[in-house]
mmCIF file of all heavy atoms, coordinates in Angstrom:
data_MODEL
# 
_entry.id   MODEL 
# 
loop_
_atom_site.group_PDB 
_atom_site.id 
_atom_site.type_symbol 
_atom_site.label_atom_id 
_atom_site.label_alt_id 
_atom_site.label_comp_id 
_atom_site.label_asym_id 
_atom_site.label_entity_id 
_atom_site.label_seq_id 
_atom_site.pdbx_PDB_ins_code 
_atom_site.Cartn_x 
_atom_site.Cartn_y 
_atom_site.Cartn_z 
_atom_site.occupancy 
_atom_site.B_iso_or_equiv 
_atom_site.pdbx_formal_charge 
_atom_site.auth_seq_id 
_atom_site.auth_comp_id 
_atom_site.auth_asym_id 
_atom_site.auth_atom_id 
_atom_site.pdbx_PDB_model_num 
ATOM 1   N N   . LYS A 1 1  ? 11.314  -14.145 2.255  1.00 0.00 ? 1  LYS A N   1 
ATOM 2   C CA  . LYS A 1 1  ? 10.975  -12.731 2.485  1.00 0.00 ? 1  LYS A CA  1 
ATOM 3   C C   . LYS A 1 1  ? 9.496   -12.562 2.509  1.00 0.00 ? 1  LYS A C   1 
ATOM 4   O O   . LYS A 1 1  ? 8.952   -11.810 3.424  1.00 0.00 ? 1  LYS A O   1 
ATOM 5   C CB  . LYS A 1 1  ? 11.580  -11.799 1.371  1.00 0.00 ? 1  LYS A CB  1 
ATOM 6   C CG  . LYS A 1 1  ? 13.060  -11.670 1.396  1.00 0.00 ? 1  LYS A CG  1 
ATOM 7   C CD  . LYS A 1 1  ? 13.531  -10.754 0.254  1.00 0.00 ? 1  LYS A CD  1 
ATOM 8   C CE  . LYS A 1 1  ? 15.062  -10.726 0.152  1.00 0.00 ? 1  LYS A CE  1 
ATOM 9   N NZ  . LYS A 1 1  ? 15.485  -9.923  -1.022 1.00 0.00 ? 1  LYS A NZ  1 
ATOM 10  N N   . TRP A 1 2  ? 8.758   -13.203 1.604  1.00 0.00 ? 2  TRP A N   1 
ATOM 11  C CA  . TRP A 1 2  ? 7.313   -13.088 1.558  1.00 0.00 ? 2  TRP A CA  1 
ATOM 12  C C   . TRP A 1 2  ? 6.671   -13.841 2.694  1.00 0.00 ? 2  TRP A C   1 
ATOM 13  O O   . TRP A 1 2  ? 5.685   -13.393 3.289  1.00 0.00 ? 2  TRP A O   1 
ATOM 14  C CB  . TRP A 1 2  ? 6.808   -13.547 0.210  1.00 0.00 ? 2  TRP A CB  1 
ATOM 15  C CG  . TRP A 1 2  ? 6.946   -12.596 -0.915 1.00 0.00 ? 2  TRP A CG  1 
ATOM 16  C CD1 . TRP A 1 2  ? 8.109   -12.181 -1.502 1.00 0.00 ? 2  TRP A CD1 1 
ATOM 17  C CD2 . TRP A 1 2  ? 5.950   -11.793 -1.466 1.00 0.00 ? 2  TRP A CD2 1 
ATOM 18  N NE1 . TRP A 1 2  ? 7.901   -11.193 -2.441 1.00 0.00 ? 2  TRP A NE1 1 
ATOM 19  C CE2 . TRP A 1 2  ? 6.547   -10.937 -2.429 1.00 0.00 ? 2  TRP A CE2 1 
ATOM 20  C CE3 . TRP A 1 2  ? 4.594   -11.700 -1.242 1.00 0.00 ? 2  TRP A CE3 1 
ATOM 21  C CZ2 . TRP A 1 2  ? 5.856   -9.972  -3.200 1.00 0.00 ? 2  TRP A CZ2 1 
ATOM 22  C CZ3 . TRP A 1 2  ? 3.864   -10.732 -2.004 1.00 0.00 ? 2  TRP A CZ3 1 
ATOM 23  C CH2 . TRP A 1 2  ? 4.450   -9.852  -2.969 1.00 0.00 ? 2  TRP A CH2 1 
ATOM 24  N N   . LEU A 1 3  ? 7.293   -14.938 3.097  1.00 0.00 ? 3  LEU A N   1 
ATOM 25  C CA  . LEU A 1 3  ? 6.765   -15.740 4.242  1.00 0.00 ? 3  LEU A CA  1 
ATOM 26  C C   . LEU A 1 3  ? 6.801   -14.870 5.494  1.00 0.00 ? 3  LEU A C   1 
ATOM 27  O O   . LEU A 1 3  ? 5.898   -14.915 6.378  1.00 0.00 ? 3  LEU A O   1 
ATOM 28  C CB  . LEU A 1 3  ? 7.508   -17.000 4.411  1.00 0.00 ? 3  LEU A CB  1 
ATOM 29  C CG  . LEU A 1 3  ? 7.033   -17.990 5.522  1.00 0.00 ? 3  LEU A CG  1 
ATOM 30  C CD1 . LEU A 1 3  ? 5.636   -18.413 5.178  1.00 0.00 ? 3  LEU A CD1 1 
ATOM 31  C CD2 . LEU A 1 3  ? 7.979   -19.165 5.561  1.00 0.00 ? 3  LEU A CD2 1 
ATOM 32  N N   . ARG A 1 4  ? 7.854   -14.111 5.644  1.00 0.00 ? 4  ARG A N   1 
ATOM 33  C CA  . ARG A 1 4  ? 8.053   -13.260 6.862  1.00 0.00 ? 4  ARG A CA  1 
ATOM 34  C C   . ARG A 1 4  ? 6.989   -12.132 6.923  1.00 0.00 ? 4  ARG A C   1 
ATOM 35  O O   . ARG A 1 4  ? 6.790   -11.537 7.928  1.00 0.00 ? 4  ARG A O   1 
ATOM 36  C CB  . ARG A 1 4  ? 9.467   -12.638 6.890  1.00 0.00 ? 4  ARG A CB  1 
ATOM 37  C CG  . ARG A 1 4  ? 10.524  -13.681 7.363  1.00 0.00 ? 4  ARG A CG  1 
ATOM 38  C CD  . ARG A 1 4  ? 11.793  -12.981 7.700  1.00 0.00 ? 4  ARG A CD  1 
ATOM 39  N NE  . ARG A 1 4  ? 12.512  -12.407 6.559  1.00 0.00 ? 4  ARG A NE  1 
ATOM 40  C CZ  . ARG A 1 4  ? 13.468  -13.049 5.875  1.00 0.00 ? 4  ARG A CZ  1 
ATOM 41  N NH1 . ARG A 1 4  ? 13.814  -14.321 6.226  1.00 0.00 ? 4  ARG A NH1 1 
ATOM 42  N NH2 . ARG A 1 4  ? 14.053  -12.485 4.873  1.00 0.00 ? 4  ARG A NH2 1 
ATOM 43  N N   . MET A 1 5  ? 6.362   -11.828 5.802  1.00 0.00 ? 5  MET A N   1 
ATOM 44  C CA  . MET A 1 5  ? 5.380   -10.754 5.733  1.00 0.00 ? 5  MET A CA  1 
ATOM 45  C C   . MET A 1 5  ? 3.953   -11.284 6.128  1.00 0.00 ? 5  MET A C   1 
ATOM 46  O O   . MET A 1 5  ? 3.067   -10.419 6.189  1.00 0.00 ? 5  MET A O   1 
ATOM 47  C CB  . MET A 1 5  ? 5.235   -10.160 4.376  1.00 0.00 ? 5  MET A CB  1 
ATOM 48  C CG  . MET A 1 5  ? 6.406   -9.235  3.943  1.00 0.00 ? 5  MET A CG  1 
ATOM 49  S SD  . MET A 1 5  ? 5.945   -8.238  2.541  1.00 0.00 ? 5  MET A SD  1 
ATOM 50  C CE  . MET A 1 5  ? 5.639   -9.480  1.359  1.00 0.00 ? 5  MET A CE  1 
ATOM 51  N N   . SER A 1 6  ? 3.784   -12.519 6.502  1.00 0.00 ? 6  SER A N   1 
ATOM 52  C CA  . SER A 1 6  ? 2.483   -13.092 6.718  1.00 0.00 ? 6  SER A CA  1 
ATOM 53  C C   . SER A 1 6  ? 1.705   -12.350 7.851  1.00 0.00 ? 6  SER A C   1 
ATOM 54  O O   . SER A 1 6  ? 0.507   -12.133 7.725  1.00 0.00 ? 6  SER A O   1 
ATOM 55  C CB  . SER A 1 6  ? 2.596   -14.575 7.034  1.00 0.00 ? 6  SER A CB  1 
ATOM 56  O OG  . SER A 1 6  ? 3.393   -14.827 8.173  1.00 0.00 ? 6  SER A OG  1 
ATOM 57  N N   . GLY A 1 7  ? 2.443   -11.925 8.858  1.00 0.00 ? 7  GLY A N   1 
ATOM 58  C CA  . GLY A 1 7  ? 1.813   -11.268 9.969  1.00 0.00 ? 7  GLY A CA  1 
ATOM 59  C C   . GLY A 1 7  ? 1.286   -9.896  9.487  1.00 0.00 ? 7  GLY A C   1 
ATOM 60  O O   . GLY A 1 7  ? 0.127   -9.510  9.853  1.00 0.00 ? 7  GLY A O   1 
ATOM 61  N N   . GLU A 1 8  ? 2.056   -9.172  8.741  1.00 0.00 ? 8  GLU A N   1 
ATOM 62  C CA  . GLU A 1 8  ? 1.665   -7.905  8.218  1.00 0.00 ? 8  GLU A CA  1 
ATOM 63  C C   . GLU A 1 8  ? 0.465   -8.016  7.247  1.00 0.00 ? 8  GLU A C   1 
ATOM 64  O O   . GLU A 1 8  ? -0.466  -7.261  7.237  1.00 0.00 ? 8  GLU A O   1 
ATOM 65  C CB  . GLU A 1 8  ? 2.810   -7.201  7.513  1.00 0.00 ? 8  GLU A CB  1 
ATOM 66  C CG  . GLU A 1 8  ? 2.532   -5.797  7.021  1.00 0.00 ? 8  GLU A CG  1 
ATOM 67  C CD  . GLU A 1 8  ? 3.692   -5.228  6.211  1.00 0.00 ? 8  GLU A CD  1 
ATOM 68  O OE1 . GLU A 1 8  ? 4.758   -5.891  6.110  1.00 0.00 ? 8  GLU A OE1 1 
ATOM 69  O OE2 . GLU A 1 8  ? 3.555   -4.139  5.650  1.00 0.00 ? 8  GLU A OE2 1 
ATOM 70  N N   . ILE A 1 9  ? 0.498   -9.089  6.394  1.00 0.00 ? 9  ILE A N   1 
ATOM 71  C CA  . ILE A 1 9  ? -0.584  -9.340  5.480  1.00 0.00 ? 9  ILE A CA  1 
ATOM 72  C C   . ILE A 1 9  ? -1.918  -9.620  6.247  1.00 0.00 ? 9  ILE A C   1 
ATOM 73  O O   . ILE A 1 9  ? -2.976  -9.151  5.901  1.00 0.00 ? 9  ILE A O   1 
ATOM 74  C CB  . ILE A 1 9  ? -0.287  -10.553 4.531  1.00 0.00 ? 9  ILE A CB  1 
ATOM 75  C CG1 . ILE A 1 9  ? 0.872   -10.143 3.590  1.00 0.00 ? 9  ILE A CG1 1 
ATOM 76  C CG2 . ILE A 1 9  ? -1.480  -10.949 3.764  1.00 0.00 ? 9  ILE A CG2 1 
ATOM 77  C CD1 . ILE A 1 9  ? 1.435   -11.262 2.795  1.00 0.00 ? 9  ILE A CD1 1 
ATOM 78  N N   . ARG A 1 10 ? -1.769  -10.414 7.323  1.00 0.00 ? 10 ARG A N   1 
ATOM 79  C CA  . ARG A 1 10 ? -2.938  -10.725 8.153  1.00 0.00 ? 10 ARG A CA  1 
ATOM 80  C C   . ARG A 1 10 ? -3.575  -9.447  8.717  1.00 0.00 ? 10 ARG A C   1 
ATOM 81  O O   . ARG A 1 10 ? -4.785  -9.291  8.747  1.00 0.00 ? 10 ARG A O   1 
ATOM 82  C CB  . ARG A 1 10 ? -2.522  -11.668 9.280  1.00 0.00 ? 10 ARG A CB  1 
ATOM 83  C CG  . ARG A 1 10 ? -3.704  -12.198 10.081 1.00 0.00 ? 10 ARG A CG  1 
ATOM 84  C CD  . ARG A 1 10 ? -3.250  -13.077 11.239 1.00 0.00 ? 10 ARG A CD  1 
ATOM 85  N NE  . ARG A 1 10 ? -2.596  -14.286 10.759 1.00 0.00 ? 10 ARG A NE  1 
ATOM 86  C CZ  . ARG A 1 10 ? -1.309  -14.548 10.878 1.00 0.00 ? 10 ARG A CZ  1 
ATOM 87  N NH1 . ARG A 1 10 ? -0.489  -13.651 11.413 1.00 0.00 ? 10 ARG A NH1 1 
ATOM 88  N NH2 . ARG A 1 10 ? -0.776  -15.706 10.512 1.00 0.00 ? 10 ARG A NH2 1 
ATOM 89  N N   . ASP A 1 11 ? -2.763  -8.531  9.183  1.00 0.00 ? 11 ASP A N   1 
ATOM 90  C CA  . ASP A 1 11 ? -3.246  -7.249  9.765  1.00 0.00 ? 11 ASP A CA  1 
ATOM 91  C C   . ASP A 1 11 ? -3.996  -6.445  8.656  1.00 0.00 ? 11 ASP A C   1 
ATOM 92  O O   . ASP A 1 11 ? -5.000  -5.866  8.880  1.00 0.00 ? 11 ASP A O   1 
ATOM 93  C CB  . ASP A 1 11 ? -2.118  -6.448  10.346 1.00 0.00 ? 11 ASP A CB  1 
ATOM 94  C CG  . ASP A 1 11 ? -1.536  -7.075  11.571 1.00 0.00 ? 11 ASP A CG  1 
ATOM 95  O OD1 . ASP A 1 11 ? -2.180  -7.962  12.170 1.00 0.00 ? 11 ASP A OD1 1 
ATOM 96  O OD2 . ASP A 1 11 ? -0.383  -6.733  11.895 1.00 0.00 ? 11 ASP A OD2 1 
ATOM 97  N N   . ASN A 1 12 ? -3.396  -6.430  7.482  1.00 0.00 ? 12 ASN A N   1 
ATOM 98  C CA  . ASN A 1 12 ? -4.074  -5.725  6.315  1.00 0.00 ? 12 ASN A CA  1 
ATOM 99  C C   . ASN A 1 12 ? -5.417  -6.338  6.051  1.00 0.00 ? 12 ASN A C   1 
ATOM 100 O O   . ASN A 1 12 ? -6.413  -5.587  5.829  1.00 0.00 ? 12 ASN A O   1 
ATOM 101 C CB  . ASN A 1 12 ? -3.180  -5.751  5.098  1.00 0.00 ? 12 ASN A CB  1 
ATOM 102 C CG  . ASN A 1 12 ? -2.181  -4.637  5.051  1.00 0.00 ? 12 ASN A CG  1 
ATOM 103 O OD1 . ASN A 1 12 ? -2.536  -3.473  4.694  1.00 0.00 ? 12 ASN A OD1 1 
ATOM 104 N ND2 . ASN A 1 12 ? -0.939  -4.909  5.411  1.00 0.00 ? 12 ASN A ND2 1 
ATOM 105 N N   . LEU A 1 13 ? -5.474  -7.657  6.049  1.00 0.00 ? 13 LEU A N   1 
ATOM 106 C CA  . LEU A 1 13 ? -6.765  -8.317  5.702  1.00 0.00 ? 13 LEU A CA  1 
ATOM 107 C C   . LEU A 1 13 ? -7.842  -7.959  6.700  1.00 0.00 ? 13 LEU A C   1 
ATOM 108 O O   . LEU A 1 13 ? -9.025  -7.763  6.379  1.00 0.00 ? 13 LEU A O   1 
ATOM 109 C CB  . LEU A 1 13 ? -6.517  -9.812  5.648  1.00 0.00 ? 13 LEU A CB  1 
ATOM 110 C CG  . LEU A 1 13 ? -5.793  -10.366 4.440  1.00 0.00 ? 13 LEU A CG  1 
ATOM 111 C CD1 . LEU A 1 13 ? -5.510  -11.874 4.585  1.00 0.00 ? 13 LEU A CD1 1 
ATOM 112 C CD2 . LEU A 1 13 ? -6.567  -10.110 3.167  1.00 0.00 ? 13 LEU A CD2 1 
ATOM 113 N N   . GLN A 1 14 ? -7.424  -7.897  7.978  1.00 0.00 ? 14 GLN A N   1 
ATOM 114 C CA  . GLN A 1 14 ? -8.412  -7.534  9.016  1.00 0.00 ? 14 GLN A CA  1 
ATOM 115 C C   . GLN A 1 14 ? -9.033  -6.153  8.712  1.00 0.00 ? 14 GLN A C   1 
ATOM 116 O O   . GLN A 1 14 ? -10.229 -5.940  8.896  1.00 0.00 ? 14 GLN A O   1 
ATOM 117 C CB  . GLN A 1 14 ? -7.760  -7.582  10.367 1.00 0.00 ? 14 GLN A CB  1 
ATOM 118 C CG  . GLN A 1 14 ? -7.455  -8.938  10.885 1.00 0.00 ? 14 GLN A CG  1 
ATOM 119 C CD  . GLN A 1 14 ? -8.716  -9.842  11.004 1.00 0.00 ? 14 GLN A CD  1 
ATOM 120 O OE1 . GLN A 1 14 ? -9.732  -9.451  11.519 1.00 0.00 ? 14 GLN A OE1 1 
ATOM 121 N NE2 . GLN A 1 14 ? -8.583  -11.103 10.533 1.00 0.00 ? 14 GLN A NE2 1 
ATOM 122 N N   . GLU A 1 15 ? -8.190  -5.231  8.269  1.00 0.00 ? 15 GLU A N   1 
ATOM 123 C CA  . GLU A 1 15 ? -8.622  -3.870  8.002  1.00 0.00 ? 15 GLU A CA  1 
ATOM 124 C C   . GLU A 1 15 ? -9.566  -3.895  6.787  1.00 0.00 ? 15 GLU A C   1 
ATOM 125 O O   . GLU A 1 15 ? -10.543 -3.247  6.767  1.00 0.00 ? 15 GLU A O   1 
ATOM 126 C CB  . GLU A 1 15 ? -7.425  -2.961  7.688  1.00 0.00 ? 15 GLU A CB  1 
ATOM 127 C CG  . GLU A 1 15 ? -7.821  -1.553  7.382  1.00 0.00 ? 15 GLU A CG  1 
ATOM 128 C CD  . GLU A 1 15 ? -6.546  -0.713  7.116  1.00 0.00 ? 15 GLU A CD  1 
ATOM 129 O OE1 . GLU A 1 15 ? -5.443  -1.131  7.447  1.00 0.00 ? 15 GLU A OE1 1 
ATOM 130 O OE2 . GLU A 1 15 ? -6.765  0.380   6.562  1.00 0.00 ? 15 GLU A OE2 1 
ATOM 131 N N   . PHE A 1 16 ? -9.217  -4.710  5.694  1.00 0.00 ? 16 PHE A N   1 
ATOM 132 C CA  . PHE A 1 16 ? -9.927  -4.750  4.471  1.00 0.00 ? 16 PHE A CA  1 
ATOM 133 C C   . PHE A 1 16 ? -11.299 -5.401  4.682  1.00 0.00 ? 16 PHE A C   1 
ATOM 134 O O   . PHE A 1 16 ? -12.256 -5.157  3.928  1.00 0.00 ? 16 PHE A O   1 
ATOM 135 C CB  . PHE A 1 16 ? -9.168  -5.482  3.378  1.00 0.00 ? 16 PHE A CB  1 
ATOM 136 C CG  . PHE A 1 16 ? -7.823  -4.819  3.061  1.00 0.00 ? 16 PHE A CG  1 
ATOM 137 C CD1 . PHE A 1 16 ? -6.796  -5.591  2.560  1.00 0.00 ? 16 PHE A CD1 1 
ATOM 138 C CD2 . PHE A 1 16 ? -7.629  -3.481  3.230  1.00 0.00 ? 16 PHE A CD2 1 
ATOM 139 C CE1 . PHE A 1 16 ? -5.572  -4.987  2.188  1.00 0.00 ? 16 PHE A CE1 1 
ATOM 140 C CE2 . PHE A 1 16 ? -6.430  -2.887  2.902  1.00 0.00 ? 16 PHE A CE2 1 
ATOM 141 C CZ  . PHE A 1 16 ? -5.418  -3.634  2.415  1.00 0.00 ? 16 PHE A CZ  1 
ATOM 142 N N   . LEU A 1 17 ? -11.428 -6.307  5.655  1.00 0.00 ? 17 LEU A N   1 
ATOM 143 C CA  . LEU A 1 17 ? -12.705 -6.976  5.934  1.00 0.00 ? 17 LEU A CA  1 
ATOM 144 C C   . LEU A 1 17 ? -13.721 -5.869  6.444  1.00 0.00 ? 17 LEU A C   1 
ATOM 145 O O   . LEU A 1 17 ? -14.906 -5.994  6.165  1.00 0.00 ? 17 LEU A O   1 
ATOM 146 C CB  . LEU A 1 17 ? -12.564 -8.027  7.004  1.00 0.00 ? 17 LEU A CB  1 
ATOM 147 C CG  . LEU A 1 17 ? -11.905 -9.362  6.540  1.00 0.00 ? 17 LEU A CG  1 
ATOM 148 C CD1 . LEU A 1 17 ? -11.709 -10.244 7.702  1.00 0.00 ? 17 LEU A CD1 1 
ATOM 149 C CD2 . LEU A 1 17 ? -12.827 -10.016 5.515  1.00 0.00 ? 17 LEU A CD2 1 
ATOM 150 N N   . ILE A 1 18 ? -13.183 -4.934  7.190  1.00 0.00 ? 18 ILE A N   1 
ATOM 151 C CA  . ILE A 1 18 ? -14.074 -3.872  7.804  1.00 0.00 ? 18 ILE A CA  1 
ATOM 152 C C   . ILE A 1 18 ? -14.346 -2.732  6.801  1.00 0.00 ? 18 ILE A C   1 
ATOM 153 O O   . ILE A 1 18 ? -15.484 -2.261  6.647  1.00 0.00 ? 18 ILE A O   1 
ATOM 154 C CB  . ILE A 1 18 ? -13.404 -3.394  9.099  1.00 0.00 ? 18 ILE A CB  1 
ATOM 155 C CG1 . ILE A 1 18 ? -13.227 -4.495  10.119 1.00 0.00 ? 18 ILE A CG1 1 
ATOM 156 C CG2 . ILE A 1 18 ? -14.247 -2.262  9.651  1.00 0.00 ? 18 ILE A CG2 1 
ATOM 157 C CD1 . ILE A 1 18 ? -12.375 -4.123  11.243 1.00 0.00 ? 18 ILE A CD1 1 
ATOM 158 N N   . LYS A 1 19 ? -13.266 -2.348  6.140  1.00 0.00 ? 19 LYS A N   1 
ATOM 159 C CA  . LYS A 1 19 ? -13.359 -1.147  5.285  1.00 0.00 ? 19 LYS A CA  1 
ATOM 160 C C   . LYS A 1 19 ? -13.542 -1.546  3.813  1.00 0.00 ? 19 LYS A C   1 
ATOM 161 O O   . LYS A 1 19 ? -12.700 -2.260  3.250  1.00 0.00 ? 19 LYS A O   1 
ATOM 162 C CB  . LYS A 1 19 ? -12.105 -0.264  5.450  1.00 0.00 ? 19 LYS A CB  1 
ATOM 163 C CG  . LYS A 1 19 ? -12.196 1.053   4.653  1.00 0.00 ? 19 LYS A CG  1 
ATOM 164 C CD  . LYS A 1 19 ? -10.934 1.852   4.956  1.00 0.00 ? 19 LYS A CD  1 
ATOM 165 C CE  . LYS A 1 19 ? -11.052 3.191   4.183  1.00 0.00 ? 19 LYS A CE  1 
ATOM 166 N NZ  . LYS A 1 19 ? -9.755  4.040   4.475  1.00 0.00 ? 19 LYS A NZ  1 
ATOM 167 N N   . GLU A 1 20 ? -14.539 -1.019  3.153  1.00 0.00 ? 20 GLU A N   1 
ATOM 168 C CA  . GLU A 1 20 ? -14.712 -1.337  1.767  1.00 0.00 ? 20 GLU A CA  1 
ATOM 169 C C   . GLU A 1 20 ? -13.713 -0.580  0.866  1.00 0.00 ? 20 GLU A C   1 
ATOM 170 O O   . GLU A 1 20 ? -13.200 0.430   1.255  1.00 0.00 ? 20 GLU A O   1 
ATOM 171 C CB  . GLU A 1 20 ? -16.181 -0.948  1.342  1.00 0.00 ? 20 GLU A CB  1 
ATOM 172 C CG  . GLU A 1 20 ? -17.243 -1.815  1.944  1.00 0.00 ? 20 GLU A CG  1 
ATOM 173 C CD  . GLU A 1 20 ? -18.539 -1.770  1.138  1.00 0.00 ? 20 GLU A CD  1 
ATOM 174 O OE1 . GLU A 1 20 ? -18.502 -1.931  -0.078 1.00 0.00 ? 20 GLU A OE1 1 
ATOM 175 O OE2 . GLU A 1 20 ? -19.590 -1.507  1.827  1.00 0.00 ? 20 GLU A OE2 1 
ATOM 176 N N   . ALA A 1 21 ? -13.497 -1.125  -0.328 1.00 0.00 ? 21 ALA A N   1 
ATOM 177 C CA  . ALA A 1 21 ? -12.692 -0.455  -1.310 1.00 0.00 ? 21 ALA A CA  1 
ATOM 178 C C   . ALA A 1 21 ? -13.302 0.839   -1.810 1.00 0.00 ? 21 ALA A C   1 
ATOM 179 O O   . ALA A 1 21 ? -14.528 1.006   -1.672 1.00 0.00 ? 21 ALA A O   1 
ATOM 180 C CB  . ALA A 1 21 ? -12.419 -1.401  -2.512 1.00 0.00 ? 21 ALA A CB  1 
ATOM 181 N N   . SER A 1 22 ? -12.463 1.723   -2.360 1.00 0.00 ? 22 SER A N   1 
ATOM 182 C CA  . SER A 1 22 ? -12.962 3.012   -2.811 1.00 0.00 ? 22 SER A CA  1 
ATOM 183 C C   . SER A 1 22 ? -13.643 2.930   -4.211 1.00 0.00 ? 22 SER A C   1 
ATOM 184 O O   . SER A 1 22 ? -14.204 3.891   -4.688 1.00 0.00 ? 22 SER A O   1 
ATOM 185 C CB  . SER A 1 22 ? -11.855 4.043   -2.843 1.00 0.00 ? 22 SER A CB  1 
ATOM 186 O OG  . SER A 1 22 ? -10.915 3.709   -3.881 1.00 0.00 ? 22 SER A OG  1 
ATOM 187 N N   . ALA A 1 23 ? -13.563 1.737   -4.820 1.00 0.00 ? 23 ALA A N   1 
ATOM 188 C CA  . ALA A 1 23 ? -14.156 1.529   -6.186 1.00 0.00 ? 23 ALA A CA  1 
ATOM 189 C C   . ALA A 1 23 ? -14.985 0.269   -6.135 1.00 0.00 ? 23 ALA A C   1 
ATOM 190 O O   . ALA A 1 23 ? -14.861 -0.573  -5.267 1.00 0.00 ? 23 ALA A O   1 
ATOM 191 C CB  . ALA A 1 23 ? -13.034 1.408   -7.189 1.00 0.00 ? 23 ALA A CB  1 
ATOM 192 N N   . PRO A 1 24 ? -15.864 0.105   -7.147 1.00 0.00 ? 24 PRO A N   1 
ATOM 193 C CA  . PRO A 1 24 ? -16.654 -1.108  -7.287 1.00 0.00 ? 24 PRO A CA  1 
ATOM 194 C C   . PRO A 1 24 ? -15.782 -2.297  -7.420 1.00 0.00 ? 24 PRO A C   1 
ATOM 195 O O   . PRO A 1 24 ? -14.742 -2.277  -8.083 1.00 0.00 ? 24 PRO A O   1 
ATOM 196 C CB  . PRO A 1 24 ? -17.511 -0.886  -8.537 1.00 0.00 ? 24 PRO A CB  1 
ATOM 197 C CG  . PRO A 1 24 ? -17.527 0.610   -8.740 1.00 0.00 ? 24 PRO A CG  1 
ATOM 198 C CD  . PRO A 1 24 ? -16.203 1.113   -8.217 1.00 0.00 ? 24 PRO A CD  1 
ATOM 199 N N   . VAL A 1 25 ? -16.188 -3.409  -6.742 1.00 0.00 ? 25 VAL A N   1 
ATOM 200 C CA  . VAL A 1 25 ? -15.340 -4.628  -6.717 1.00 0.00 ? 25 VAL A CA  1 
ATOM 201 C C   . VAL A 1 25 ? -16.121 -5.828  -7.296 1.00 0.00 ? 25 VAL A C   1 
ATOM 202 O O   . VAL A 1 25 ? -17.334 -6.018  -6.903 1.00 0.00 ? 25 VAL A O   1 
ATOM 203 C CB  . VAL A 1 25 ? -14.889 -4.960  -5.293 1.00 0.00 ? 25 VAL A CB  1 
ATOM 204 C CG1 . VAL A 1 25 ? -14.076 -6.284  -5.289 1.00 0.00 ? 25 VAL A CG1 1 
ATOM 205 C CG2 . VAL A 1 25 ? -14.074 -3.848  -4.644 1.00 0.00 ? 25 VAL A CG2 1 
# 
């Protein structure tokens, strides 16, 4: 089930690379 999510996870990561978190990291 988690392996099948790899494409969705990859898309999220692309977004997170561009957009910073709302709190200090």
